[in-house]
Amino acid sequence: MKWNNAGIFGNDIIVPKPPGEKRVFILGDSQLECASQHFETESLFAKLKQKLGQMQVFIASQSSSTTSDQIAM
């Protein structure tokens, strides 16, 4: 997976959102970064992409972040 034009994991974000497109944004800490897992196949990001099909999935994570940090994202 690559960093997109918004600096988070996922495809580039198109603004305005195309009609009918559904998006999921997930905020979190190092658990979402999956440093000990293969990101493309074993991470929450990969599993959601498999389950949700055409829905766009975006992950914004930062190691050692707190809930306050995540809200500020």
N, C-alpha and C. Protein backbone atom coordinates (compact mmCIF):
# COMPACT_ATOMS: atom_id res chain seq x y z
N MET A 1 0.85 -1.18 0.00
CA MET A 1 0.00 0.00 0.00
C MET A 1 0.89 1.23 0.00
N LYS A 2 0.38 2.27 -0.54
CA LYS A 2 1.16 3.51 -0.63
C LYS A 2 0.46 4.63 0.15
N TRP A 3 1.24 5.63 0.47
CA TRP A 3 0.67 6.84 1.04
C TRP A 3 -0.05 7.56 -0.09
N ASN A 4 -1.22 8.12 0.21
CA ASN A 4 -1.97 8.78 -0.86
C ASN A 4 -1.75 10.29 -0.82
N ASN A 5 -2.52 11.01 -1.61
CA ASN A 5 -2.37 12.46 -1.72
C ASN A 5 -2.77 13.21 -0.44
N ALA A 6 -3.37 12.51 0.53
CA ALA A 6 -3.73 13.12 1.82
C ALA A 6 -2.75 12.69 2.93
N GLY A 7 -1.75 11.88 2.57
CA GLY A 7 -0.75 11.45 3.54
C GLY A 7 -1.20 10.29 4.41
N ILE A 8 -2.22 9.53 3.98
CA ILE A 8 -2.67 8.36 4.72
C ILE A 8 -2.67 7.16 3.77
N PHE A 9 -2.82 5.95 4.33
CA PHE A 9 -2.87 4.74 3.50
C PHE A 9 -4.18 4.65 2.77
N GLY A 10 -4.11 4.33 1.49
CA GLY A 10 -5.30 4.17 0.67
C GLY A 10 -5.06 4.78 -0.70
N ASN A 11 -6.03 4.62 -1.57
CA ASN A 11 -5.94 5.25 -2.89
C ASN A 11 -6.03 6.76 -2.72
N ASP A 12 -5.60 7.50 -3.74
CA ASP A 12 -5.73 8.95 -3.69
C ASP A 12 -7.19 9.32 -3.47
N ILE A 13 -7.40 10.37 -2.68
CA ILE A 13 -8.76 10.82 -2.37
C ILE A 13 -9.19 11.83 -3.42
N ILE A 14 -10.28 11.53 -4.08
CA ILE A 14 -10.84 12.42 -5.11
C ILE A 14 -11.89 13.31 -4.45
N VAL A 15 -11.74 14.62 -4.64
CA VAL A 15 -12.70 15.58 -4.10
C VAL A 15 -13.23 16.40 -5.26
N PRO A 16 -14.54 16.55 -5.36
CA PRO A 16 -15.58 15.97 -4.51
C PRO A 16 -15.70 14.47 -4.77
N LYS A 17 -16.27 13.79 -3.81
CA LYS A 17 -16.45 12.34 -3.88
C LYS A 17 -17.36 12.00 -5.05
N PRO A 18 -16.96 11.03 -5.88
CA PRO A 18 -17.81 10.63 -7.00
C PRO A 18 -19.17 10.12 -6.51
N PRO A 19 -20.24 10.39 -7.23
CA PRO A 19 -21.56 9.93 -6.83
C PRO A 19 -21.59 8.41 -6.62
N GLY A 20 -22.19 8.00 -5.53
CA GLY A 20 -22.33 6.58 -5.23
C GLY A 20 -21.14 5.93 -4.56
N GLU A 21 -20.01 6.62 -4.50
CA GLU A 21 -18.83 6.03 -3.86
C GLU A 21 -19.01 6.04 -2.34
N LYS A 22 -18.63 4.94 -1.71
CA LYS A 22 -18.68 4.84 -0.25
C LYS A 22 -17.26 4.75 0.27
N ARG A 23 -17.00 5.45 1.39
CA ARG A 23 -15.67 5.51 1.96
C ARG A 23 -15.69 5.17 3.44
N VAL A 24 -14.63 4.49 3.88
CA VAL A 24 -14.44 4.18 5.29
C VAL A 24 -13.09 4.76 5.71
N PHE A 25 -13.09 5.59 6.75
CA PHE A 25 -11.87 6.15 7.30
C PHE A 25 -11.67 5.58 8.70
N ILE A 26 -10.48 5.04 8.95
CA ILE A 26 -10.18 4.46 10.25
C ILE A 26 -8.99 5.19 10.84
N LEU A 27 -9.16 5.68 12.07
CA LEU A 27 -8.08 6.35 12.80
C LEU A 27 -7.57 5.42 13.87
N GLY A 28 -6.27 5.45 14.13
CA GLY A 28 -5.75 4.58 15.17
C GLY A 28 -4.28 4.80 15.46
N ASP A 29 -3.73 3.85 16.24
CA ASP A 29 -2.34 3.93 16.66
C ASP A 29 -1.52 2.84 15.97
N SER A 30 -0.44 2.41 16.60
CA SER A 30 0.46 1.43 15.99
C SER A 30 -0.22 0.11 15.67
N GLN A 31 -1.32 -0.21 16.34
CA GLN A 31 -2.03 -1.45 16.04
C GLN A 31 -2.51 -1.47 14.59
N LEU A 32 -2.85 -0.32 14.06
CA LEU A 32 -3.28 -0.25 12.66
C LEU A 32 -2.12 -0.29 11.69
N GLU A 33 -0.93 0.11 12.14
CA GLU A 33 0.24 0.11 11.26
C GLU A 33 0.72 -1.30 10.97
N CYS A 34 0.42 -2.23 11.85
CA CYS A 34 0.72 -3.66 11.63
C CYS A 34 2.18 -3.90 11.27
N ALA A 35 3.08 -3.34 12.07
CA ALA A 35 4.51 -3.50 11.79
C ALA A 35 4.94 -4.96 11.79
N SER A 36 4.25 -5.80 12.55
CA SER A 36 4.64 -7.21 12.64
C SER A 36 3.87 -8.08 11.64
N GLN A 37 3.04 -7.48 10.82
CA GLN A 37 2.25 -8.24 9.85
C GLN A 37 2.53 -7.72 8.44
N HIS A 38 2.21 -8.55 7.46
CA HIS A 38 2.31 -8.11 6.07
C HIS A 38 1.09 -7.23 5.79
N PHE A 39 1.31 -5.95 5.61
CA PHE A 39 0.22 -4.97 5.52
C PHE A 39 -0.77 -5.29 4.40
N GLU A 40 -0.26 -5.72 3.25
CA GLU A 40 -1.11 -5.95 2.08
C GLU A 40 -2.06 -7.13 2.23
N THR A 41 -1.73 -8.10 3.12
CA THR A 41 -2.56 -9.30 3.21
C THR A 41 -3.13 -9.59 4.59
N GLU A 42 -2.46 -9.16 5.67
CA GLU A 42 -2.87 -9.57 7.01
C GLU A 42 -3.44 -8.45 7.87
N SER A 43 -3.32 -7.22 7.46
CA SER A 43 -3.74 -6.10 8.29
C SER A 43 -5.26 -5.90 8.27
N LEU A 44 -5.75 -5.12 9.22
CA LEU A 44 -7.17 -4.75 9.22
C LEU A 44 -7.53 -4.08 7.90
N PHE A 45 -6.65 -3.24 7.40
CA PHE A 45 -6.86 -2.55 6.13
C PHE A 45 -7.12 -3.57 5.02
N ALA A 46 -6.24 -4.58 4.91
CA ALA A 46 -6.37 -5.59 3.86
C ALA A 46 -7.65 -6.39 4.02
N LYS A 47 -7.97 -6.77 5.25
CA LYS A 47 -9.17 -7.58 5.49
C LYS A 47 -10.44 -6.79 5.18
N LEU A 48 -10.46 -5.49 5.53
CA LEU A 48 -11.62 -4.66 5.20
C LEU A 48 -11.78 -4.50 3.70
N LYS A 49 -10.68 -4.27 3.00
CA LYS A 49 -10.75 -4.13 1.54
C LYS A 49 -11.32 -5.40 0.91
N GLN A 50 -10.94 -6.56 1.44
CA GLN A 50 -11.46 -7.83 0.91
C GLN A 50 -12.96 -7.95 1.19
N LYS A 51 -13.39 -7.61 2.40
CA LYS A 51 -14.79 -7.77 2.80
C LYS A 51 -15.71 -6.75 2.15
N LEU A 52 -15.23 -5.51 2.00
CA LEU A 52 -16.09 -4.42 1.56
C LEU A 52 -16.10 -4.23 0.04
N GLY A 53 -15.27 -4.95 -0.66
CA GLY A 53 -15.30 -4.90 -2.12
C GLY A 53 -14.99 -3.53 -2.69
N GLN A 54 -15.97 -2.89 -3.31
CA GLN A 54 -15.76 -1.63 -4.01
C GLN A 54 -15.65 -0.42 -3.10
N MET A 55 -15.94 -0.56 -1.82
CA MET A 55 -15.87 0.57 -0.90
C MET A 55 -14.41 0.99 -0.71
N GLN A 56 -14.16 2.29 -0.70
CA GLN A 56 -12.81 2.82 -0.49
C GLN A 56 -12.49 2.78 1.01
N VAL A 57 -11.30 2.27 1.35
CA VAL A 57 -10.87 2.17 2.75
C VAL A 57 -9.61 3.00 2.91
N PHE A 58 -9.58 3.84 3.95
CA PHE A 58 -8.44 4.70 4.24
C PHE A 58 -8.04 4.51 5.70
N ILE A 59 -6.73 4.43 5.98
CA ILE A 59 -6.22 4.23 7.32
C ILE A 59 -5.30 5.39 7.67
N ALA A 60 -5.57 6.05 8.79
CA ALA A 60 -4.69 7.09 9.31
C ALA A 60 -4.23 6.63 10.69
N SER A 61 -2.94 6.30 10.80
CA SER A 61 -2.43 5.80 12.08
C SER A 61 -1.11 6.47 12.42
N GLN A 62 -0.83 6.48 13.72
CA GLN A 62 0.42 7.06 14.20
C GLN A 62 0.83 6.29 15.44
N SER A 63 2.06 5.78 15.43
CA SER A 63 2.56 5.04 16.59
C SER A 63 2.54 5.91 17.83
N SER A 64 2.18 5.31 18.94
CA SER A 64 2.16 5.96 20.26
C SER A 64 1.16 7.11 20.34
N SER A 65 0.17 7.14 19.46
CA SER A 65 -0.81 8.22 19.53
C SER A 65 -1.87 7.91 20.58
N THR A 66 -2.49 8.96 21.05
CA THR A 66 -3.58 8.83 22.02
C THR A 66 -4.90 9.13 21.32
N THR A 67 -5.99 8.91 22.01
CA THR A 67 -7.29 9.24 21.44
C THR A 67 -7.34 10.71 21.06
N SER A 68 -6.79 11.59 21.89
CA SER A 68 -6.77 13.02 21.57
C SER A 68 -6.01 13.30 20.29
N ASP A 69 -4.87 12.61 20.11
CA ASP A 69 -4.09 12.78 18.87
C ASP A 69 -4.91 12.35 17.66
N GLN A 70 -5.61 11.23 17.81
CA GLN A 70 -6.39 10.70 16.70
C GLN A 70 -7.55 11.62 16.34
N ILE A 71 -8.18 12.22 17.35
CA ILE A 71 -9.26 13.17 17.08
C ILE A 71 -8.71 14.39 16.34
N ALA A 72 -7.50 14.80 16.67
CA ALA A 72 -6.88 15.96 16.02
C ALA A 72 -6.53 15.70 14.56
N MET A 73 -6.38 14.39 14.20
CA MET A 73 -6.07 14.08 12.80
C MET A 73 -7.20 14.56 11.94
